[in-house]
Amino acid sequence: MTSLYRVVYFISPAGENPVKHFLDSLQHNQKVKVFRLFQVYEQYGLASIMPHTKKLRGTPLWEISIKGKDNIRMLYVSHTMKSILVLHGFIKKTQKTPQKELGLAIQRYEEWKKRT
């Protein structure tokens, strides 16, 4: 089955892939949860993962929530009508998304916009 939608990871100007690095740091069961959501998105689009995603007010960012023992968050923007650009991933330890995490995702988004 071919994918209708694409998940694209942010690549730094130096060629580093911080999203892949974050995903590689996760335990196997955590990775499975993230990749399952990405796979559902790739097959059926954003509407299919809506219970797990929300707009972060006052930013261009959206957040994918992977709940469980560890609350994993993936921050992204809509790249095109058929793809998302994943900018950052982290384990959420507080009720509110930390400014440090938002700032890093926004910084990466600004870097990416300069290159496109």
PDB file of N, CA and C in Angstrom:
ATOM      1  N   MET A   1       0.844  -1.175   0.000  1.00  0.00           N
ATOM      2  CA  MET A   1       0.000   0.000   0.000  1.00  0.00           C
ATOM      3  C   MET A   1       0.893   1.244   0.000  1.00  0.00           C
ATOM      4  N   THR A   2       0.643   2.164  -0.903  1.00  0.00           N
ATOM      5  CA  THR A   2       1.450   3.380  -0.955  1.00  0.00           C
ATOM      6  C   THR A   2       0.890   4.425  -0.007  1.00  0.00           C
ATOM      7  N   SER A   3       1.783   5.252   0.490  1.00  0.00           N
ATOM      8  CA  SER A   3       1.386   6.305   1.424  1.00  0.00           C
ATOM      9  C   SER A   3       0.851   7.509   0.659  1.00  0.00           C
ATOM     10  N   LEU A   4      -0.217   8.080   1.164  1.00  0.00           N
ATOM     11  CA  LEU A   4      -0.782   9.286   0.570  1.00  0.00           C
ATOM     12  C   LEU A   4      -0.165  10.541   1.167  1.00  0.00           C
ATOM     13  N   TYR A   5       0.336  10.406   2.393  1.00  0.00           N
ATOM     14  CA  TYR A   5       0.880  11.533   3.133  1.00  0.00           C
ATOM     15  C   TYR A   5       2.305  11.197   3.563  1.00  0.00           C
ATOM     16  N   ARG A   6       3.087  12.231   3.894  1.00  0.00           N
ATOM     17  CA  ARG A   6       4.484  12.010   4.271  1.00  0.00           C
ATOM     18  C   ARG A   6       4.820  12.678   5.593  1.00  0.00           C
ATOM     19  N   VAL A   7       5.662  11.999   6.368  1.00  0.00           N
ATOM     20  CA  VAL A   7       6.249  12.553   7.576  1.00  0.00           C
ATOM     21  C   VAL A   7       7.690  12.893   7.212  1.00  0.00           C
ATOM     22  N   VAL A   8       8.057  14.175   7.364  1.00  0.00           N
ATOM     23  CA  VAL A   8       9.403  14.649   7.050  1.00  0.00           C
ATOM     24  C   VAL A   8      10.057  15.117   8.339  1.00  0.00           C
ATOM     25  N   TYR A   9      11.292  14.698   8.578  1.00  0.00           N
ATOM     26  CA  TYR A   9      12.021  15.130   9.769  1.00  0.00           C
ATOM     27  C   TYR A   9      12.856  16.356   9.448  1.00  0.00           C
ATOM     28  N   PHE A  10      12.934  17.270  10.410  1.00  0.00           N
ATOM     29  CA  PHE A  10      13.808  18.434  10.303  1.00  0.00           C
ATOM     30  C   PHE A  10      15.260  17.975  10.224  1.00  0.00           C
ATOM     31  N   ILE A  11      16.007  18.538   9.282  1.00  0.00           N
ATOM     32  CA  ILE A  11      17.449  18.304   9.161  1.00  0.00           C
ATOM     33  C   ILE A  11      18.119  19.666   9.355  1.00  0.00           C
ATOM     34  N   SER A  12      19.105  19.738  10.252  1.00  0.00           N
ATOM     35  CA  SER A  12      19.782  21.008  10.534  1.00  0.00           C
ATOM     36  C   SER A  12      20.646  21.407   9.344  1.00  0.00           C
ATOM     37  N   PRO A  13      21.058  22.686   9.287  1.00  0.00           N
ATOM     38  CA  PRO A  13      21.958  23.120   8.214  1.00  0.00           C
ATOM     39  C   PRO A  13      23.260  22.308   8.171  1.00  0.00           C
ATOM     40  N   ALA A  14      23.664  21.768   9.314  1.00  0.00           N
ATOM     41  CA  ALA A  14      24.886  20.953   9.381  1.00  0.00           C
ATOM     42  C   ALA A  14      24.630  19.497   8.983  1.00  0.00           C
ATOM     43  N   GLY A  15      23.381  19.175   8.642  1.00  0.00           N
ATOM     44  CA  GLY A  15      23.045  17.820   8.216  1.00  0.00           C
ATOM     45  C   GLY A  15      22.633  16.890   9.343  1.00  0.00           C
ATOM     46  N   GLU A  16      22.479  17.419  10.553  1.00  0.00           N
ATOM     47  CA  GLU A  16      22.073  16.590  11.688  1.00  0.00           C
ATOM     48  C   GLU A  16      20.556  16.379  11.665  1.00  0.00           C
ATOM     49  N   ASN A  17      20.136  15.240  12.201  1.00  0.00           N
ATOM     50  CA  ASN A  17      18.727  14.886  12.238  1.00  0.00           C
ATOM     51  C   ASN A  17      18.294  14.706  13.700  1.00  0.00           C
ATOM     52  N   PRO A  18      17.958  15.812  14.393  1.00  0.00           N
ATOM     53  CA  PRO A  18      17.642  15.720  15.823  1.00  0.00           C
ATOM     54  C   PRO A  18      16.373  14.916  16.123  1.00  0.00           C
ATOM     55  N   VAL A  19      15.438  14.874  15.204  1.00  0.00           N
ATOM     56  CA  VAL A  19      14.207  14.105  15.433  1.00  0.00           C
ATOM     57  C   VAL A  19      14.540  12.611  15.431  1.00  0.00           C
ATOM     58  N   LYS A  20      15.322  12.173  14.454  1.00  0.00           N
ATOM     59  CA  LYS A  20      15.736  10.768  14.416  1.00  0.00           C
ATOM     60  C   LYS A  20      16.555  10.426  15.661  1.00  0.00           C
ATOM     61  N   HIS A  21      17.433  11.337  16.056  1.00  0.00           N
ATOM     62  CA  HIS A  21      18.241  11.115  17.260  1.00  0.00           C
ATOM     63  C   HIS A  21      17.337  10.912  18.483  1.00  0.00           C
ATOM     64  N   PHE A  22      16.298  11.758  18.628  1.00  0.00           N
ATOM     65  CA  PHE A  22      15.355  11.612  19.735  1.00  0.00           C
ATOM     66  C   PHE A  22      14.645  10.258  19.655  1.00  0.00           C
ATOM     67  N   LEU A  23      14.145   9.913  18.468  1.00  0.00           N
ATOM     68  CA  LEU A  23      13.428   8.646  18.317  1.00  0.00           C
ATOM     69  C   LEU A  23      14.331   7.457  18.619  1.00  0.00           C
ATOM     70  N   ASP A  24      15.585   7.539  18.204  1.00  0.00           N
ATOM     71  CA  ASP A  24      16.543   6.462  18.489  1.00  0.00           C
ATOM     72  C   ASP A  24      16.796   6.309  19.990  1.00  0.00           C
ATOM     73  N   SER A  25      16.605   7.388  20.761  1.00  0.00           N
ATOM     74  CA  SER A  25      16.850   7.343  22.204  1.00  0.00           C
ATOM     75  C   SER A  25      15.703   6.689  22.979  1.00  0.00           C
ATOM     76  N   LEU A  26      14.562   6.511  22.329  1.00  0.00           N
ATOM     77  CA  LEU A  26      13.393   5.948  23.001  1.00  0.00           C
ATOM     78  C   LEU A  26      13.511   4.435  23.144  1.00  0.00           C
ATOM     79  N   GLN A  27      12.786   3.909  24.113  1.00  0.00           N
ATOM     80  CA  GLN A  27      12.699   2.464  24.279  1.00  0.00           C
ATOM     81  C   GLN A  27      11.835   1.888  23.155  1.00  0.00           C
ATOM     82  N   HIS A  28      11.990   0.605  22.895  1.00  0.00           N
ATOM     83  CA  HIS A  28      11.302  -0.033  21.768  1.00  0.00           C
ATOM     84  C   HIS A  28       9.788   0.212  21.782  1.00  0.00           C
ATOM     85  N   ASN A  29       9.145  -0.008  22.927  1.00  0.00           N
ATOM     86  CA  ASN A  29       7.685   0.153  22.979  1.00  0.00           C
ATOM     87  C   ASN A  29       7.267   1.602  22.734  1.00  0.00           C
ATOM     88  N   GLN A  30       8.103   2.559  23.134  1.00  0.00           N
ATOM     89  CA  GLN A  30       7.807   3.971  22.885  1.00  0.00           C
ATOM     90  C   GLN A  30       7.911   4.274  21.386  1.00  0.00           C
ATOM     91  N   LYS A  31       8.957   3.753  20.752  1.00  0.00           N
ATOM     92  CA  LYS A  31       9.135   3.940  19.299  1.00  0.00           C
ATOM     93  C   LYS A  31       7.946   3.377  18.537  1.00  0.00           C
ATOM     94  N   VAL A  32       7.496   2.201  18.948  1.00  0.00           N
ATOM     95  CA  VAL A  32       6.371   1.553  18.273  1.00  0.00           C
ATOM     96  C   VAL A  32       5.143   2.465  18.291  1.00  0.00           C
ATOM     97  N   LYS A  33       4.871   3.088  19.427  1.00  0.00           N
ATOM     98  CA  LYS A  33       3.713   3.984  19.540  1.00  0.00           C
ATOM     99  C   LYS A  33       3.842   5.179  18.593  1.00  0.00           C
ATOM    100  N   VAL A  34       5.033   5.786  18.553  1.00  0.00           N
ATOM    101  CA  VAL A  34       5.254   6.951  17.688  1.00  0.00           C
ATOM    102  C   VAL A  34       5.104   6.543  16.226  1.00  0.00           C
ATOM    103  N   PHE A  35       5.790   5.476  15.833  1.00  0.00           N
ATOM    104  CA  PHE A  35       5.761   5.063  14.428  1.00  0.00           C
ATOM    105  C   PHE A  35       4.376   4.587  13.997  1.00  0.00           C
ATOM    106  N   ARG A  36       3.614   4.023  14.940  1.00  0.00           N
ATOM    107  CA  ARG A  36       2.244   3.621  14.600  1.00  0.00           C
ATOM    108  C   ARG A  36       1.404   4.851  14.254  1.00  0.00           C
ATOM    109  N   LEU A  37       1.535   5.915  15.043  1.00  0.00           N
ATOM    110  CA  LEU A  37       0.794   7.152  14.726  1.00  0.00           C
ATOM    111  C   LEU A  37       1.258   7.750  13.406  1.00  0.00           C
ATOM    112  N   PHE A  38       2.571   7.760  13.166  1.00  0.00           N
ATOM    113  CA  PHE A  38       3.088   8.271  11.890  1.00  0.00           C
ATOM    114  C   PHE A  38       2.531   7.447  10.725  1.00  0.00           C
ATOM    115  N   GLN A  39       2.473   6.133  10.897  1.00  0.00           N
ATOM    116  CA  GLN A  39       1.974   5.256   9.846  1.00  0.00           C
ATOM    117  C   GLN A  39       0.492   5.515   9.559  1.00  0.00           C
ATOM    118  N   VAL A  40      -0.300   5.694  10.607  1.00  0.00           N
ATOM    119  CA  VAL A  40      -1.727   6.000  10.421  1.00  0.00           C
ATOM    120  C   VAL A  40      -1.860   7.325   9.672  1.00  0.00           C
ATOM    121  N   TYR A  41      -1.074   8.333  10.060  1.00  0.00           N
ATOM    122  CA  TYR A  41      -1.108   9.616   9.348  1.00  0.00           C
ATOM    123  C   TYR A  41      -0.758   9.421   7.874  1.00  0.00           C
ATOM    124  N   GLU A  42       0.317   8.677   7.604  1.00  0.00           N
ATOM    125  CA  GLU A  42       0.763   8.493   6.215  1.00  0.00           C
ATOM    126  C   GLU A  42      -0.294   7.813   5.357  1.00  0.00           C
ATOM    127  N   GLN A  43      -1.100   6.961   5.949  1.00  0.00           N
ATOM    128  CA  GLN A  43      -2.135   6.258   5.195  1.00  0.00           C
ATOM    129  C   GLN A  43      -3.429   7.060   5.067  1.00  0.00           C
ATOM    130  N   TYR A  44      -3.808   7.775   6.143  1.00  0.00           N
ATOM    131  CA  TYR A  44      -5.148   8.360   6.186  1.00  0.00           C
ATOM    132  C   TYR A  44      -5.205   9.872   6.416  1.00  0.00           C
ATOM    133  N   GLY A  45      -4.075  10.509   6.701  1.00  0.00           N
ATOM    134  CA  GLY A  45      -4.061  11.955   6.886  1.00  0.00           C
ATOM    135  C   GLY A  45      -4.266  12.400   8.324  1.00  0.00           C
ATOM    136  N   LEU A  46      -4.220  13.709   8.518  1.00  0.00           N
ATOM    137  CA  LEU A  46      -4.284  14.281   9.862  1.00  0.00           C
ATOM    138  C   LEU A  46      -5.587  13.988  10.594  1.00  0.00           C
ATOM    139  N   ALA A  47      -6.691  13.947   9.875  1.00  0.00           N
ATOM    140  CA  ALA A  47      -7.973  13.700  10.540  1.00  0.00           C
ATOM    141  C   ALA A  47      -7.955  12.368  11.290  1.00  0.00           C
ATOM    142  N   SER A  48      -7.171  11.416  10.798  1.00  0.00           N
ATOM    143  CA  SER A  48      -7.134  10.084  11.407  1.00  0.00           C
ATOM    144  C   SER A  48      -6.404  10.058  12.751  1.00  0.00           C
ATOM    145  N   ILE A  49      -5.574  11.067  13.026  1.00  0.00           N
ATOM    146  CA  ILE A  49      -4.851  11.094  14.303  1.00  0.00           C
ATOM    147  C   ILE A  49      -5.314  12.247  15.195  1.00  0.00           C
ATOM    148  N   MET A  50      -6.453  12.847  14.856  1.00  0.00           N
ATOM    149  CA  MET A  50      -6.942  14.011  15.597  1.00  0.00           C
ATOM    150  C   MET A  50      -7.060  13.822  17.104  1.00  0.00           C
ATOM    151  N   PRO A  51      -7.424  12.684  17.602  1.00  0.00           N
ATOM    152  CA  PRO A  51      -7.455  12.604  19.073  1.00  0.00           C
ATOM    153  C   PRO A  51      -6.057  12.766  19.690  1.00  0.00           C
ATOM    154  N   HIS A  52      -5.025  12.622  18.886  1.00  0.00           N
ATOM    155  CA  HIS A  52      -3.653  12.674  19.392  1.00  0.00           C
ATOM    156  C   HIS A  52      -2.918  13.957  19.011  1.00  0.00           C
ATOM    157  N   THR A  53      -3.588  14.892  18.357  1.00  0.00           N
ATOM    158  CA  THR A  53      -2.906  16.099  17.909  1.00  0.00           C
ATOM    159  C   THR A  53      -3.717  17.340  18.256  1.00  0.00           C
ATOM    160  N   LYS A  54      -2.983  18.436  18.502  1.00  0.00           N
ATOM    161  CA  LYS A  54      -3.672  19.700  18.788  1.00  0.00           C
ATOM    162  C   LYS A  54      -2.780  20.860  18.372  1.00  0.00           C
ATOM    163  N   LYS A  55      -3.419  21.987  18.088  1.00  0.00           N
ATOM    164  CA  LYS A  55      -2.714  23.220  17.733  1.00  0.00           C
ATOM    165  C   LYS A  55      -2.206  23.859  19.010  1.00  0.00           C
ATOM    166  N   LEU A  56      -0.967  24.340  18.989  1.00  0.00           N
ATOM    167  CA  LEU A  56      -0.411  25.054  20.133  1.00  0.00           C
ATOM    168  C   LEU A  56      -0.652  26.544  19.913  1.00  0.00           C
ATOM    169  N   ARG A  57      -1.568  27.085  20.676  1.00  0.00           N
ATOM    170  CA  ARG A  57      -2.007  28.478  20.526  1.00  0.00           C
ATOM    171  C   ARG A  57      -0.850  29.461  20.534  1.00  0.00           C
ATOM    172  N   GLY A  58      -0.931  30.443  19.646  1.00  0.00           N
ATOM    173  CA  GLY A  58       0.069  31.497  19.598  1.00  0.00           C
ATOM    174  C   GLY A  58       1.361  31.101  18.902  1.00  0.00           C
ATOM    175  N   THR A  59       1.376  29.921  18.288  1.00  0.00           N
ATOM    176  CA  THR A  59       2.565  29.447  17.569  1.00  0.00           C
ATOM    177  C   THR A  59       2.114  28.839  16.240  1.00  0.00           C
ATOM    178  N   PRO A  60       3.055  28.599  15.323  1.00  0.00           N
ATOM    179  CA  PRO A  60       2.707  27.883  14.095  1.00  0.00           C
ATOM    180  C   PRO A  60       2.727  26.362  14.309  1.00  0.00           C
ATOM    181  N   LEU A  61       2.967  25.930  15.541  1.00  0.00           N
ATOM    182  CA  LEU A  61       3.207  24.520  15.844  1.00  0.00           C
ATOM    183  C   LEU A  61       1.943  23.739  16.173  1.00  0.00           C
ATOM    184  N   TRP A  62       2.029  22.453  15.885  1.00  0.00           N
ATOM    185  CA  TRP A  62       1.048  21.466  16.313  1.00  0.00           C
ATOM    186  C   TRP A  62       1.802  20.442  17.148  1.00  0.00           C
ATOM    187  N   GLU A  63       1.075  19.737  18.004  1.00  0.00           N
ATOM    188  CA  GLU A  63       1.684  18.755  18.892  1.00  0.00           C
ATOM    189  C   GLU A  63       0.989  17.413  18.731  1.00  0.00           C
ATOM    190  N   ILE A  64       1.782  16.364  18.540  1.00  0.00           N
ATOM    191  CA  ILE A  64       1.269  14.994  18.575  1.00  0.00           C
ATOM    192  C   ILE A  64       1.569  14.464  19.964  1.00  0.00           C
ATOM    193  N   SER A  65       0.543  13.945  20.642  1.00  0.00           N
ATOM    194  CA  SER A  65       0.689  13.394  21.991  1.00  0.00           C
ATOM    195  C   SER A  65       0.647  11.877  21.923  1.00  0.00           C
ATOM    196  N   ILE A  66       1.675  11.256  22.459  1.00  0.00           N
ATOM    197  CA  ILE A  66       1.706   9.810  22.602  1.00  0.00           C
ATOM    198  C   ILE A  66       1.668   9.553  24.100  1.00  0.00           C
ATOM    199  N   LYS A  67       0.528   9.125  24.563  1.00  0.00           N
ATOM    200  CA  LYS A  67       0.329   8.960  26.000  1.00  0.00           C
ATOM    201  C   LYS A  67       0.770   7.571  26.446  1.00  0.00           C
ATOM    202  N   GLY A  68       0.942   7.432  27.719  1.00  0.00           N
ATOM    203  CA  GLY A  68       1.371   6.174  28.301  1.00  0.00           C
ATOM    204  C   GLY A  68       2.166   6.479  29.545  1.00  0.00           C
ATOM    205  N   LYS A  69       3.027   5.548  29.926  1.00  0.00           N
ATOM    206  CA  LYS A  69       3.873   5.759  31.098  1.00  0.00           C
ATOM    207  C   LYS A  69       4.713   7.030  30.919  1.00  0.00           C
ATOM    208  N   ASP A  70       5.239   7.214  29.711  1.00  0.00           N
ATOM    209  CA  ASP A  70       5.981   8.435  29.360  1.00  0.00           C
ATOM    210  C   ASP A  70       5.134   9.218  28.376  1.00  0.00           C
ATOM    211  N   ASN A  71       4.951  10.488  28.620  1.00  0.00           N
ATOM    212  CA  ASN A  71       4.170  11.331  27.719  1.00  0.00           C
ATOM    213  C   ASN A  71       5.093  11.911  26.654  1.00  0.00           C
ATOM    214  N   ILE A  72       5.124  11.271  25.501  1.00  0.00           N
ATOM    215  CA  ILE A  72       5.994  11.698  24.404  1.00  0.00           C
ATOM    216  C   ILE A  72       5.252  12.744  23.591  1.00  0.00           C
ATOM    217  N   ARG A  73       5.966  13.782  23.206  1.00  0.00           N
ATOM    218  CA  ARG A  73       5.400  14.832  22.362  1.00  0.00           C
ATOM    219  C   ARG A  73       6.281  15.018  21.138  1.00  0.00           C
ATOM    220  N   MET A  74       5.630  15.166  19.994  1.00  0.00           N
ATOM    221  CA  MET A  74       6.312  15.477  18.750  1.00  0.00           C
ATOM    222  C   MET A  74       5.712  16.792  18.251  1.00  0.00           C
ATOM    223  N   LEU A  75       6.553  17.794  18.037  1.00  0.00           N
ATOM    224  CA  LEU A  75       6.089  19.095  17.569  1.00  0.00           C
ATOM    225  C   LEU A  75       6.327  19.181  16.055  1.00  0.00           C
ATOM    226  N   TYR A  76       5.319  19.659  15.343  1.00  0.00           N
ATOM    227  CA  TYR A  76       5.410  19.699  13.877  1.00  0.00           C
ATOM    228  C   TYR A  76       4.662  20.894  13.317  1.00  0.00           C
ATOM    229  N   VAL A  77       4.885  21.139  12.027  1.00  0.00           N
ATOM    230  CA  VAL A  77       4.118  22.116  11.254  1.00  0.00           C
ATOM    231  C   VAL A  77       3.619  21.404  10.001  1.00  0.00           C
ATOM    232  N   SER A  78       2.562  21.934   9.414  1.00  0.00           N
ATOM    233  CA  SER A  78       2.114  21.407   8.128  1.00  0.00           C
ATOM    234  C   SER A  78       3.105  21.872   7.087  1.00  0.00           C
ATOM    235  N   HIS A  79       3.734  20.938   6.440  1.00  0.00           N
ATOM    236  CA  HIS A  79       4.779  21.223   5.452  1.00  0.00           C
ATOM    237  C   HIS A  79       4.127  21.542   4.112  1.00  0.00           C
ATOM    238  N   THR A  80       3.269  20.656   3.653  1.00  0.00           N
ATOM    239  CA  THR A  80       2.450  20.858   2.457  1.00  0.00           C
ATOM    240  C   THR A  80       1.077  20.287   2.781  1.00  0.00           C
ATOM    241  N   MET A  81       0.210  20.287   1.809  1.00  0.00           N
ATOM    242  CA  MET A  81      -1.122  19.700   2.028  1.00  0.00           C
ATOM    243  C   MET A  81      -1.025  18.198   2.325  1.00  0.00           C
ATOM    244  N   LYS A  82       0.059  17.579   1.908  1.00  0.00           N
ATOM    245  CA  LYS A  82       0.187  16.125   2.044  1.00  0.00           C
ATOM    246  C   LYS A  82       1.374  15.703   2.896  1.00  0.00           C
ATOM    247  N   SER A  83       1.945  16.636   3.668  1.00  0.00           N
ATOM    248  CA  SER A  83       3.066  16.238   4.524  1.00  0.00           C
ATOM    249  C   SER A  83       3.161  17.140   5.752  1.00  0.00           C
ATOM    250  N   ILE A  84       3.795  16.568   6.792  1.00  0.00           N
ATOM    251  CA  ILE A  84       4.097  17.350   7.985  1.00  0.00           C
ATOM    252  C   ILE A  84       5.610  17.344   8.174  1.00  0.00           C
ATOM    253  N   LEU A  85       6.124  18.426   8.744  1.00  0.00           N
ATOM    254  CA  LEU A  85       7.544  18.555   9.065  1.00  0.00           C
ATOM    255  C   LEU A  85       7.675  18.435  10.575  1.00  0.00           C
ATOM    256  N   VAL A  86       8.247  17.323  11.040  1.00  0.00           N
ATOM    257  CA  VAL A  86       8.441  17.105  12.473  1.00  0.00           C
ATOM    258  C   VAL A  86       9.720  17.826  12.879  1.00  0.00           C
ATOM    259  N   LEU A  87       9.595  18.749  13.823  1.00  0.00           N
ATOM    260  CA  LEU A  87      10.700  19.620  14.222  1.00  0.00           C
ATOM    261  C   LEU A  87      11.409  19.167  15.487  1.00  0.00           C
ATOM    262  N   HIS A  88      10.661  18.551  16.403  1.00  0.00           N
ATOM    263  CA  HIS A  88      11.234  18.281  17.722  1.00  0.00           C
ATOM    264  C   HIS A  88      10.411  17.216  18.436  1.00  0.00           C
ATOM    265  N   GLY A  89      11.081  16.430  19.253  1.00  0.00           N
ATOM    266  CA  GLY A  89      10.410  15.454  20.094  1.00  0.00           C
ATOM    267  C   GLY A  89      10.982  15.522  21.496  1.00  0.00           C
ATOM    268  N   PHE A  90      10.148  15.263  22.490  1.00  0.00           N
ATOM    269  CA  PHE A  90      10.610  15.287  23.883  1.00  0.00           C
ATOM    270  C   PHE A  90       9.633  14.520  24.757  1.00  0.00           C
ATOM    271  N   ILE A  91      10.088  14.191  25.961  1.00  0.00           N
ATOM    272  CA  ILE A  91       9.234  13.569  26.973  1.00  0.00           C
ATOM    273  C   ILE A  91       8.665  14.698  27.824  1.00  0.00           C
ATOM    274  N   LYS A  92       7.350  14.794  27.866  1.00  0.00           N
ATOM    275  CA  LYS A  92       6.691  15.870  28.606  1.00  0.00           C
ATOM    276  C   LYS A  92       6.535  15.453  30.059  1.00  0.00           C
ATOM    277  N   LYS A  93       7.077  16.272  30.960  1.00  0.00           N
ATOM    278  CA  LYS A  93       7.052  15.941  32.386  1.00  0.00           C
ATOM    279  C   LYS A  93       6.165  16.872  33.196  1.00  0.00           C
ATOM    280  N   THR A  94       5.662  17.933  32.558  1.00  0.00           N
ATOM    281  CA  THR A  94       4.808  18.893  33.258  1.00  0.00           C
ATOM    282  C   THR A  94       3.481  19.029  32.516  1.00  0.00           C
ATOM    283  N   GLN A  95       2.520  19.659  33.154  1.00  0.00           N
ATOM    284  CA  GLN A  95       1.200  19.854  32.556  1.00  0.00           C
ATOM    285  C   GLN A  95       1.287  20.701  31.285  1.00  0.00           C
ATOM    286  N   LYS A  96       2.074  21.769  31.354  1.00  0.00           N
ATOM    287  CA  LYS A  96       2.192  22.708  30.253  1.00  0.00           C
ATOM    288  C   LYS A  96       3.435  22.387  29.428  1.00  0.00           C
ATOM    289  N   THR A  97       3.358  22.617  28.113  1.00  0.00           N
ATOM    290  CA  THR A  97       4.525  22.394  27.256  1.00  0.00           C
ATOM    291  C   THR A  97       5.594  23.428  27.610  1.00  0.00           C
ATOM    292  N   PRO A  98       6.789  22.982  28.003  1.00  0.00           N
ATOM    293  CA  PRO A  98       7.845  23.918  28.417  1.00  0.00           C
ATOM    294  C   PRO A  98       8.258  24.885  27.298  1.00  0.00           C
ATOM    295  N   GLN A  99       8.489  26.146  27.674  1.00  0.00           N
ATOM    296  CA  GLN A  99       8.914  27.178  26.723  1.00  0.00           C
ATOM    297  C   GLN A  99      10.194  26.776  26.004  1.00  0.00           C
ATOM    298  N   LYS A 100      11.104  26.110  26.713  1.00  0.00           N
ATOM    299  CA  LYS A 100      12.373  25.678  26.116  1.00  0.00           C
ATOM    300  C   LYS A 100      12.110  24.764  24.909  1.00  0.00           C
ATOM    301  N   GLU A 101      11.155  23.851  25.052  1.00  0.00           N
ATOM    302  CA  GLU A 101      10.837  22.915  23.976  1.00  0.00           C
ATOM    303  C   GLU A 101      10.161  23.641  22.808  1.00  0.00           C
ATOM    304  N   LEU A 102       9.237  24.549  23.134  1.00  0.00           N
ATOM    305  CA  LEU A 102       8.582  25.342  22.091  1.00  0.00           C
ATOM    306  C   LEU A 102       9.598  26.207  21.348  1.00  0.00           C
ATOM    307  N   GLY A 103      10.483  26.845  22.117  1.00  0.00           N
ATOM    308  CA  GLY A 103      11.492  27.717  21.514  1.00  0.00           C
ATOM    309  C   GLY A 103      12.396  26.968  20.559  1.00  0.00           C
ATOM    310  N   LEU A 104      12.797  25.776  20.933  1.00  0.00           N
ATOM    311  CA  LEU A 104      13.665  24.976  20.076  1.00  0.00           C
ATOM    312  C   LEU A 104      12.953  24.595  18.783  1.00  0.00           C
ATOM    313  N   ALA A 105      11.692  24.186  18.874  1.00  0.00           N
ATOM    314  CA  ALA A 105      10.923  23.826  17.682  1.00  0.00           C
ATOM    315  C   ALA A 105      10.730  25.042  16.772  1.00  0.00           C
ATOM    316  N   ILE A 106      10.434  26.194  17.357  1.00  0.00           N
ATOM    317  CA  ILE A 106      10.242  27.409  16.551  1.00  0.00           C
ATOM    318  C   ILE A 106      11.553  27.822  15.895  1.00  0.00           C
ATOM    319  N   GLN A 107      12.654  27.716  16.613  1.00  0.00           N
ATOM    320  CA  GLN A 107      13.975  28.031  16.051  1.00  0.00           C
ATOM    321  C   GLN A 107      14.260  27.130  14.841  1.00  0.00           C
ATOM    322  N   ARG A 108      13.973  25.848  14.977  1.00  0.00           N
ATOM    323  CA  ARG A 108      14.191  24.915  13.862  1.00  0.00           C
ATOM    324  C   ARG A 108      13.286  25.255  12.686  1.00  0.00           C
ATOM    325  N   TYR A 109      12.048  25.621  12.977  1.00  0.00           N
ATOM    326  CA  TYR A 109      11.121  26.004  11.910  1.00  0.00           C
ATOM    327  C   TYR A 109      11.629  27.233  11.161  1.00  0.00           C
ATOM    328  N   GLU A 110      12.118  28.226  11.906  1.00  0.00           N
ATOM    329  CA  GLU A 110      12.671  29.430  11.267  1.00  0.00           C
ATOM    330  C   GLU A 110      13.878  29.092  10.407  1.00  0.00           C
ATOM    331  N   GLU A 111      14.773  28.222  10.919  1.00  0.00           N
ATOM    332  CA  GLU A 111      15.928  27.768  10.131  1.00  0.00           C
ATOM    333  C   GLU A 111      15.476  27.092   8.849  1.00  0.00           C
ATOM    334  N   TRP A 112      14.488  26.230   8.966  1.00  0.00           N
ATOM    335  CA  TRP A 112      13.980  25.490   7.804  1.00  0.00           C
ATOM    336  C   TRP A 112      13.373  26.443   6.771  1.00  0.00           C
ATOM    337  N   LYS A 113      12.600  27.453   7.235  1.00  0.00           N
ATOM    338  CA  LYS A 113      11.988  28.401   6.310  1.00  0.00           C
ATOM    339  C   LYS A 113      13.029  29.170   5.517  1.00  0.00           C
ATOM    340  N   LYS A 114      14.154  29.503   6.138  1.00  0.00           N
ATOM    341  CA  LYS A 114      15.219  30.233   5.446  1.00  0.00           C
ATOM    342  C   LYS A 114      15.792  29.435   4.289  1.00  0.00           C
ATOM    343  N   ARG A 115      15.763  28.113   4.412  1.00  0.00           N
ATOM    344  CA  ARG A 115      16.382  27.259   3.393  1.00  0.00           C
ATOM    345  C   ARG A 115      15.425  26.818   2.309  1.00  0.00           C
ATOM    346  N   THR A 116      14.142  27.130   2.467  1.00  0.00           N
ATOM    347  CA  THR A 116      13.192  26.684   1.452  1.00  0.00           C
ATOM    348  C   THR A 116      12.691  27.815   0.602  1.00  0.00           C
TER     349      THR A 116
END
